[in-house]
Protein backbone atom coordinates (compact mmCIF):
# COMPACT_ATOMS: atom_id res chain seq x y z
CA MET A 1 0.00 0.00 0.00
CA ALA A 2 1.52 3.32 -0.99
CA ALA A 3 1.46 6.11 1.56
CA SER A 4 -0.77 8.11 -0.78
CA GLU A 5 -3.43 5.37 -0.52
CA CYS A 6 -3.59 5.64 3.28
CA THR A 7 -6.69 7.67 4.14
CA GLN A 8 -6.70 7.20 7.93
CA SER A 9 -4.27 9.16 10.10
CA ALA A 10 -1.97 6.61 11.67
CA PRO A 11 1.70 5.83 11.97
CA SER A 12 3.00 5.77 8.43
CA CYS A 13 1.24 3.07 6.43
CA GLU A 14 4.55 2.14 4.84
CA GLN A 15 6.14 1.68 8.27
CA THR A 16 3.36 -0.50 9.67
CA GLU A 17 2.70 -2.66 6.61
CA PRO A 18 4.14 -6.14 7.24
CA LEU A 19 7.14 -6.76 5.02
CA GLU A 20 5.98 -10.30 4.27
CA TRP A 21 3.00 -8.87 2.33
CA LYS A 22 5.41 -7.55 -0.26
CA ARG A 23 7.38 -10.80 -0.40
CA MET A 24 4.24 -12.95 -0.59
CA GLY A 25 2.67 -10.89 -3.37
CA PHE A 26 -0.62 -9.98 -1.69
CA GLU A 27 -0.69 -6.81 -3.76
CA LYS A 28 -1.31 -9.07 -6.77
CA PHE A 29 -3.71 -11.52 -5.12
CA GLY A 30 -6.99 -11.02 -6.96
CA LEU A 31 -9.49 -13.48 -5.48
CA VAL A 32 -9.50 -12.21 -1.91
CA SER A 33 -9.35 -8.60 -0.81
CA TYR A 34 -7.19 -7.88 2.20
CA ALA A 35 -8.35 -4.26 2.27
CA SER A 36 -10.15 -4.56 5.62
CA GLN A 37 -6.99 -5.83 7.33
CA THR A 38 -4.66 -3.33 5.68
CA LYS A 39 -6.92 -0.39 6.55
CA VAL A 40 -6.39 -1.03 10.27
CA SER A 41 -2.77 -2.20 10.09
CA GLY A 42 -1.75 1.05 11.81
CA PHE A 43 -3.01 -0.55 15.03
CA ILE A 44 0.28 -2.47 15.30
CA GLY A 45 2.23 0.78 14.98
CA TYR A 46 0.29 2.24 17.88
CA LEU A 47 0.92 -0.85 20.02
CA GLU A 48 4.64 -0.56 19.21
CA MET A 49 4.50 3.01 20.56
CA GLY A 50 2.82 1.74 23.76
CA LYS A 51 -0.57 3.23 22.88
CA ILE A 52 -4.09 1.80 22.70
CA PHE A 53 -6.14 3.07 19.75
CA GLY A 54 -9.58 2.18 18.47
CA THR A 55 -11.58 3.37 15.51
CA LYS A 56 -14.45 5.86 15.65
CA CYS A 57 -17.09 5.91 12.92
CA LEU A 58 -17.34 9.30 11.21
CA ASP A 59 -20.98 8.65 10.30
CA CYS A 60 -22.58 7.41 13.54
CA GLY A 61 -19.84 8.06 16.12
CA HIS A 62 -19.60 4.42 17.29
CA LEU A 63 -16.26 3.57 18.92
CA GLU A 64 -14.70 0.17 18.18
CA PHE A 65 -11.97 -1.86 19.89
CA PRO A 66 -10.11 -3.66 18.56
CA PRO A 67 -10.10 -1.41 15.49
CA ARG A 68 -12.38 -2.32 12.62
CA ALA A 69 -12.33 -1.23 9.01
CA TYR A 70 -16.14 -1.14 8.91
CA CYS A 71 -18.48 0.16 11.61
CA SER A 72 -20.35 -2.67 13.34
CA GLN A 73 -23.37 -0.38 13.82
CA CYS A 74 -23.90 1.30 10.45
CA LEU A 75 -21.37 -0.55 8.22
CA SER A 76 -19.69 2.70 7.20
CA GLU A 77 -16.12 2.57 5.90
CA ARG A 78 -15.48 6.12 7.14
CA TRP A 79 -13.59 6.21 10.44
CA GLU A 80 -10.74 7.85 12.30
CA TRP A 81 -8.18 6.61 14.79
CA THR A 82 -9.07 7.43 18.40
CA GLN A 83 -6.71 7.00 21.33
CA LEU A 84 -8.23 5.19 24.31
CA SER A 85 -7.21 5.77 27.91
CA GLY A 86 -6.74 2.07 28.61
CA GLU A 87 -8.78 2.50 31.80
CA CYS A 88 -11.24 -0.38 32.16
CA LYS A 89 -13.58 -2.06 34.62
CA LEU A 90 -13.79 -5.84 34.76
CA VAL A 91 -17.16 -7.19 33.61
CA THR A 92 -16.36 -10.91 34.03
CA TYR A 93 -13.54 -13.40 33.59
CA THR A 94 -12.90 -17.06 32.95
CA LYS A 95 -10.10 -19.44 33.81
CA VAL A 96 -8.86 -21.40 30.81
CA GLU A 97 -7.63 -24.84 31.81
CA ALA A 98 -8.25 -26.78 28.59
CA ALA A 99 -6.62 -24.39 26.15
CA PRO A 100 -6.47 -24.53 22.35
CA SER A 101 -3.33 -26.33 21.14
CA ALA A 102 -1.44 -23.08 20.43
CA PHE A 103 -1.86 -22.04 24.09
CA LYS A 104 -1.71 -25.49 25.70
CA GLU A 105 1.64 -24.86 27.40
CA GLU A 106 0.37 -21.62 28.95
CA ALA A 107 -2.72 -23.09 30.64
CA PRO A 108 -4.16 -22.41 33.07
CA TYR A 109 -4.57 -18.68 32.44
CA LEU A 110 -7.24 -16.02 32.96
CA LEU A 111 -9.16 -14.16 30.25
CA GLY A 112 -11.17 -11.09 31.16
CA LEU A 113 -13.97 -9.10 29.58
CA ALA A 114 -13.55 -5.46 30.54
CA GLU A 115 -15.28 -2.23 29.54
CA PHE A 116 -13.23 0.83 28.62
CA SER A 117 -14.18 4.09 30.31
CA GLU A 118 -14.91 5.29 26.74
CA GLY A 119 -17.45 2.49 26.22
CA PRO A 120 -16.12 -0.38 24.08
CA LYS A 121 -15.53 -3.78 25.62
CA VAL A 122 -12.30 -5.75 25.31
CA PHE A 123 -11.59 -9.45 25.74
CA ALA A 124 -7.98 -9.95 26.83
CA ARG A 125 -5.57 -12.00 28.88
CA VAL A 126 -5.41 -11.00 32.55
CA ASP A 127 -1.94 -10.35 33.98
CA ALA A 128 -0.76 -13.55 35.72
CA THR A 129 0.39 -11.52 38.73
CA ILE A 130 -3.23 -10.70 39.64
CA PRO A 131 -4.59 -13.39 41.99
CA GLU A 132 -7.84 -14.91 40.76
CA SER A 133 -9.36 -14.17 44.18
CA ASP A 134 -8.95 -10.42 43.48
CA LEU A 135 -11.00 -10.54 40.26
CA LYS A 136 -14.47 -9.14 40.89
CA PRO A 137 -16.89 -7.31 38.56
CA GLY A 138 -16.12 -3.60 38.66
CA LEU A 139 -12.40 -4.06 39.44
CA ALA A 140 -10.42 -1.17 37.94
CA LEU A 141 -7.94 -2.44 35.36
CA ARG A 142 -5.78 -0.97 32.64
CA LEU A 143 -5.30 -2.39 29.15
CA GLU A 144 -1.66 -2.13 28.15
CA PRO A 145 0.28 -3.20 25.06
CA ARG A 146 2.69 -6.08 25.58
CA LYS A 147 5.39 -7.74 23.53
CA LEU A 148 5.19 -11.53 23.39
CA SER A 149 8.25 -13.78 23.57
CA SER A 150 7.83 -14.36 19.82
CA GLY A 151 8.26 -10.63 19.23
CA ASN A 152 4.59 -10.21 18.23
CA LEU A 153 2.42 -7.63 19.95
CA SER A 154 -0.73 -8.05 21.99
CA TYR A 155 -2.38 -6.38 24.98
CA LEU A 156 -2.93 -7.34 28.61
CA LEU A 157 -5.30 -6.38 31.44
CA ARG A 158 -3.31 -5.17 34.46
CA LEU A 159 -3.99 -3.55 37.83
């Protein structure tokens, strides 16, 4: 994607576009459109900067997290990046003991559903340093970017 094609304000589209896309030839792949993924690829750039961003629909004002290329309320493609505070309240959580094969070695672990102070909800891993006995609905948490051992980026609910 050329920088001139980037319509949403974000870290440079050229900087956040995965290099493997160019090597794998997705720019020439005609049967499947990857436009919805590439439109929100700036999300990774924000995580790299230690920031949490969502998308806000320019037509209806709905705020999304994680970012979406199309509004889940009105299906508009018109949106802007919006920084979120990261401040959340726990809605509920679950303990994963029988994990999918990719996460089998990490089980047991806690996943939480939390609501941002700005409104959207997020489903994320709960920091392992938080005792399960401390997790109660309404607990104040903060969503923070984290770097995985693989070098990939994600986010984590912390106290």
